[in-house]
Amino acid sequence: MKNKYSARPLILIAALLMATTAAQARHPWVTDNPRLDKNAWFSNLESGTEVQSPFVAKFGLTGIGIASVKKPVASAGHHHLLIDRGLPLNFTEPLPFNDQYIHFGKGQMEAILDLPPGRHSLRLVFADHRHIPNFVYSDELIVNVTGSSGKTIDSLKRTEISVLSPRSGSRISPPFAVAMHAAGYNVSHTDINEPDTGHFRLHLAPAKGDEVVIDLTGGETEVWLNPPAGSYSASLEMLSNSAPGTVMARSTPVRFEVKPR
């Protein structure tokens, strides 16, 4: 007689092997954010800055990944930019669609804003595929628009990826964050296989030793590292989600030094 429980040990072994493989997938230099927080932030603007319209606002993200609204993806979402609006009072309702709630449902990481002269508040709110906020948001940022720059919106458009931090030539203490940016590309978890959508791959090359390659398949735009002291070069690739193995873009390398612990 066939034992109906005979398959259970094999299933358990397979599950353990899968868990072990997943655990081994994270390189030992990758570490958790020491603050264990999740937040959005503006990577190129500080509150109180004077700007001329149009101008670029770049979005940073800590502790969570980006995914477009194509389908639900756990532990991921997309940016929303609130202009001259406070935080929503009800975090259980979808964010509205209007000129003061700008949605970036494709996985965009920046916006070109053409605001009238005066004082304006900006805030990022992260939300899921249903546009329901998930308690990840930025501090309010105030910009003072002094007038027109005379530039066109099209002249500010770029198609590039870059390492925002560490800065080239810097000397930093571990652990530290590598922050990334994409202009003109949509960033998403690899469960989203839309055209023109990709995810970051980080190349970290020590002056001595083998290069470390880290695929950020969860749509992350920041990773925390705790490598040994030494000199390093970091660069990025944007890998296509719809055509696996295809490199959509490459960044300029940045070189920096990690201090001894």
Protein backbone atom coordinates (compact mmCIF):
# COMPACT_ATOMS: atom_id res chain seq x y z
CA MET A 1 0.00 0.00 0.00
CA LYS A 2 1.33 3.42 -0.94
CA ASN A 3 2.27 5.56 2.04
CA LYS A 4 0.47 8.88 1.63
CA TYR A 5 3.09 10.54 3.87
CA SER A 6 6.14 9.27 1.97
CA ALA A 7 6.52 12.43 -0.10
CA ARG A 8 6.72 14.71 2.93
CA PRO A 9 10.44 14.22 3.69
CA LEU A 10 11.30 15.01 0.07
CA ILE A 11 9.13 18.13 0.17
CA LEU A 12 10.75 19.26 3.40
CA ILE A 13 14.24 18.66 2.01
CA ALA A 14 13.38 20.62 -1.14
CA ALA A 15 12.00 23.47 0.94
CA LEU A 16 15.15 23.54 3.07
CA LEU A 17 17.36 23.55 -0.01
CA MET A 18 15.36 26.43 -1.49
CA ALA A 19 15.63 28.38 1.76
CA THR A 20 19.37 27.71 1.95
CA THR A 21 19.85 28.83 -1.65
CA ALA A 22 17.88 32.02 -0.97
CA ALA A 23 19.94 32.71 2.13
CA GLN A 24 23.17 32.17 0.21
CA ALA A 25 22.03 34.52 -2.56
CA ARG A 26 22.83 37.58 -0.42
CA HIS A 27 26.50 38.45 -0.61
CA PRO A 28 28.17 38.69 2.81
CA TRP A 29 29.05 42.34 2.17
CA VAL A 30 25.37 43.21 1.89
CA THR A 31 23.94 44.28 5.23
CA ASP A 32 20.74 45.70 6.67
CA ASN A 33 20.07 49.39 6.92
CA PRO A 34 21.24 50.17 10.50
CA ARG A 35 18.09 52.24 11.10
CA LEU A 36 15.81 49.49 9.73
CA ASP A 37 13.51 52.21 8.38
CA LYS A 38 11.61 52.68 5.15
CA ASN A 39 11.33 56.14 3.67
CA ALA A 40 11.31 58.17 0.50
CA TRP A 41 13.43 61.27 -0.05
CA PHE A 42 14.53 63.80 -2.65
CA SER A 43 18.06 63.03 -3.74
CA ASN A 44 18.86 66.36 -5.45
CA LEU A 45 16.86 68.96 -3.50
CA GLU A 46 17.01 70.40 0.01
CA SER A 47 14.21 72.20 1.77
CA GLY A 48 14.44 75.96 1.29
CA THR A 49 16.21 75.68 -2.06
CA GLU A 50 15.61 78.39 -4.65
CA VAL A 51 14.92 77.03 -8.12
CA GLN A 52 13.83 78.23 -11.52
CA SER A 53 11.16 76.41 -13.49
CA PRO A 54 11.27 73.93 -15.02
CA PHE A 55 13.46 71.84 -12.73
CA VAL A 56 14.16 68.16 -12.00
CA ALA A 57 13.12 66.45 -8.77
CA LYS A 58 14.86 63.10 -8.21
CA PHE A 59 13.37 60.43 -5.94
CA GLY A 60 15.32 58.31 -3.46
CA LEU A 61 14.03 55.28 -1.60
CA THR A 62 15.21 53.33 1.45
CA GLY A 63 14.14 49.91 2.70
CA ILE A 64 11.70 48.94 -0.07
CA GLY A 65 11.71 48.29 -3.82
CA ILE A 66 9.87 49.75 -6.80
CA ALA A 67 7.27 47.87 -8.84
CA SER A 68 5.00 49.27 -11.51
CA VAL A 69 1.22 49.04 -11.18
CA LYS A 70 1.00 46.27 -13.78
CA LYS A 71 0.28 43.69 -11.08
CA PRO A 72 0.57 43.33 -7.31
CA VAL A 73 4.08 42.73 -5.96
CA ALA A 74 4.66 42.15 -2.26
CA SER A 75 6.95 44.58 -0.41
CA ALA A 76 7.13 47.00 -3.33
CA GLY A 77 5.27 49.99 -4.73
CA HIS A 78 5.68 53.21 -6.71
CA HIS A 79 6.24 56.90 -6.10
CA HIS A 80 3.66 59.66 -5.89
CA LEU A 81 4.56 63.33 -5.75
CA LEU A 82 2.29 65.61 -3.72
CA ILE A 83 2.51 69.29 -4.66
CA ASP A 84 1.19 71.84 -2.15
CA ARG A 85 -0.67 69.08 -0.33
CA GLY A 86 -0.23 67.57 3.12
CA LEU A 87 -0.11 63.88 3.87
CA PRO A 88 -3.39 62.08 3.16
CA LEU A 89 -5.65 61.83 6.19
CA ASN A 90 -6.76 58.29 5.32
CA PHE A 91 -4.04 55.80 4.41
CA THR A 92 -6.61 53.15 3.50
CA GLU A 93 -7.94 54.96 0.44
CA PRO A 94 -6.28 55.31 -2.99
CA LEU A 95 -4.50 58.56 -3.74
CA PRO A 96 -6.48 60.75 -6.16
CA PHE A 97 -5.43 61.58 -9.70
CA ASN A 98 -5.03 65.33 -10.24
CA ASP A 99 -2.38 68.02 -10.71
CA GLN A 100 -1.43 67.92 -7.02
CA TYR A 101 -1.08 64.13 -6.82
CA ILE A 102 1.28 63.00 -9.58
CA HIS A 103 1.54 59.23 -10.03
CA PHE A 104 4.66 57.40 -11.25
CA GLY A 105 3.09 54.00 -11.82
CA LYS A 106 5.63 52.85 -14.41
CA GLY A 107 8.50 52.91 -11.92
CA GLN A 108 9.93 56.35 -12.67
CA MET A 109 12.50 57.88 -10.35
CA GLU A 110 12.22 61.56 -11.25
CA ALA A 111 9.91 64.32 -12.43
CA ILE A 112 10.40 67.54 -14.35
CA LEU A 113 8.30 70.22 -12.66
CA ASP A 114 7.16 73.51 -14.13
CA LEU A 115 5.75 75.42 -11.17
CA PRO A 116 4.72 79.08 -11.02
CA PRO A 117 6.83 81.54 -8.99
CA GLY A 118 6.39 81.35 -5.24
CA ARG A 119 6.71 78.96 -2.34
CA HIS A 120 5.72 75.33 -2.96
CA SER A 121 5.71 72.20 -0.82
CA LEU A 122 6.75 68.83 -2.24
CA ARG A 123 6.34 65.44 -0.61
CA LEU A 124 6.82 61.86 -1.82
CA VAL A 125 4.34 59.18 -0.81
CA PHE A 126 4.94 55.53 -1.72
CA ALA A 127 1.94 53.34 -2.48
CA ASP A 128 0.99 49.91 -3.82
CA HIS A 129 -0.48 48.95 -7.20
CA ARG A 130 -3.89 50.18 -6.03
CA HIS A 131 -2.36 53.58 -5.15
CA ILE A 132 -3.04 52.96 -1.45
CA PRO A 133 -0.22 54.49 0.67
CA ASN A 134 1.91 52.09 2.67
CA PHE A 135 3.31 54.48 5.31
CA VAL A 136 6.50 55.14 3.36
CA TYR A 137 6.88 58.84 2.63
CA SER A 138 9.32 61.74 2.66
CA ASP A 139 9.58 64.82 4.83
CA GLU A 140 7.92 67.89 3.41
CA LEU A 141 10.34 69.82 1.20
CA ILE A 142 9.90 73.52 0.43
CA VAL A 143 11.16 75.04 -2.82
CA ASN A 144 11.05 78.72 -3.69
CA VAL A 145 10.51 79.18 -7.42
CA THR A 146 12.09 82.49 -8.39
CA GLY A 147 10.96 82.52 -12.02
CA SER A 148 11.61 80.87 -15.34
CA SER A 149 14.96 79.45 -16.38
CA GLY A 150 14.11 79.83 -20.04
CA LYS A 151 14.76 76.13 -20.54
CA THR A 152 12.27 73.74 -22.10
CA ILE A 153 11.07 70.57 -20.38
CA ASP A 154 12.50 68.50 -23.24
CA SER A 155 15.96 70.01 -22.69
CA LEU A 156 15.99 68.59 -19.14
CA LYS A 157 15.13 65.05 -20.16
CA ARG A 158 17.94 62.52 -19.78
CA THR A 159 18.38 58.80 -20.40
CA GLU A 160 21.04 57.59 -17.99
CA ILE A 161 21.74 55.74 -14.76
CA SER A 162 24.13 56.83 -12.04
CA VAL A 163 25.58 56.09 -8.62
CA LEU A 164 24.50 58.99 -6.38
CA SER A 165 26.49 57.89 -3.35
CA PRO A 166 29.20 57.29 -2.39
CA ARG A 167 30.69 60.27 -4.19
CA SER A 168 33.74 59.68 -6.33
CA GLY A 169 36.88 60.44 -4.34
CA SER A 170 35.15 60.09 -0.97
CA ARG A 171 36.50 58.24 2.06
CA ILE A 172 33.69 56.57 4.01
CA SER A 173 33.08 54.40 7.06
CA PRO A 174 31.18 51.12 6.81
CA PRO A 175 28.38 50.29 6.72
CA PHE A 176 27.28 52.70 4.01
CA ALA A 177 24.53 53.02 1.45
CA VAL A 178 24.99 52.85 -2.30
CA ALA A 179 22.20 55.01 -3.71
CA MET A 180 21.26 54.75 -7.37
CA HIS A 181 19.27 56.80 -9.86
CA ALA A 182 17.65 56.18 -13.23
CA ALA A 183 16.57 58.95 -15.59
CA GLY A 184 14.48 57.95 -18.58
CA TYR A 185 14.18 54.33 -17.44
CA ASN A 186 11.49 52.59 -15.41
CA VAL A 187 12.70 50.56 -12.44
CA SER A 188 10.75 47.55 -11.20
CA HIS A 189 10.85 44.27 -9.36
CA THR A 190 11.66 41.47 -11.81
CA ASP A 191 8.09 40.14 -11.49
CA ILE A 192 7.23 43.08 -13.78
CA ASN A 193 8.42 42.21 -17.30
CA GLU A 194 7.16 45.26 -19.16
CA PRO A 195 9.21 46.73 -22.07
CA ASP A 196 11.49 49.64 -21.12
CA THR A 197 11.51 48.37 -17.53
CA GLY A 198 14.55 47.05 -15.73
CA HIS A 199 16.40 46.59 -12.45
CA PHE A 200 19.81 47.60 -11.19
CA ARG A 201 22.92 45.44 -11.09
CA LEU A 202 25.76 46.76 -8.94
CA HIS A 203 29.39 45.99 -9.77
CA LEU A 204 31.77 46.55 -6.85
CA ALA A 205 35.42 46.08 -7.73
CA PRO A 206 38.04 46.16 -4.95
CA ALA A 207 41.56 47.28 -5.80
CA LYS A 208 42.65 43.80 -4.74
CA GLY A 209 40.45 40.75 -5.18
CA ASP A 210 37.49 39.68 -7.28
CA GLU A 211 34.66 41.89 -8.41
CA VAL A 212 31.38 41.52 -6.53
CA VAL A 213 28.15 41.60 -8.54
CA ILE A 214 24.83 42.29 -6.80
CA ASP A 215 21.52 41.98 -8.66
CA LEU A 216 18.76 44.11 -7.14
CA THR A 217 15.88 42.03 -8.43
CA GLY A 218 13.39 43.45 -5.94
CA GLY A 219 13.40 46.87 -7.60
CA GLU A 220 15.69 48.32 -4.92
CA THR A 221 17.41 51.62 -5.63
CA GLU A 222 19.62 51.53 -2.53
CA VAL A 223 21.74 48.82 -0.95
CA TRP A 224 23.75 48.88 2.29
CA LEU A 225 27.25 47.42 2.25
CA ASN A 226 29.84 46.49 4.87
CA PRO A 227 32.95 45.51 2.90
CA PRO A 228 36.55 45.31 4.15
CA ALA A 229 38.67 48.45 4.17
CA GLY A 230 40.26 49.38 0.88
CA SER A 231 39.81 51.15 -2.42
CA TYR A 232 36.80 50.35 -4.59
CA SER A 233 35.16 51.16 -7.89
CA ALA A 234 31.36 50.97 -8.17
CA SER A 235 29.29 51.01 -11.33
CA LEU A 236 25.77 50.09 -12.39
CA GLU A 237 23.97 48.30 -15.16
CA MET A 238 20.28 48.51 -15.91
CA LEU A 239 19.12 45.01 -16.86
CA SER A 240 15.95 44.52 -18.87
CA ASN A 241 13.07 42.74 -17.13
CA SER A 242 11.41 41.77 -20.42
CA ALA A 243 14.58 40.54 -22.17
CA PRO A 244 16.68 38.79 -19.51
CA GLY A 245 20.41 39.31 -19.94
CA THR A 246 19.98 42.50 -21.98
CA VAL A 247 21.86 45.51 -20.63
CA MET A 248 19.80 48.66 -21.19
CA ALA A 249 22.32 51.14 -19.75
CA ARG A 250 25.63 51.44 -17.92
CA SER A 251 26.79 54.10 -15.49
CA THR A 252 30.07 55.91 -15.12
CA PRO A 253 32.16 54.25 -12.36
CA VAL A 254 32.76 56.02 -9.06
CA ARG A 255 35.89 55.38 -7.02
CA PHE A 256 36.06 55.67 -3.24
CA GLU A 257 37.87 54.38 -0.18
CA VAL A 258 36.37 52.44 2.72
CA LYS A 259 37.92 53.19 6.11
CA PRO A 260 38.91 50.41 8.51
CA ARG A 261 36.14 49.38 10.90
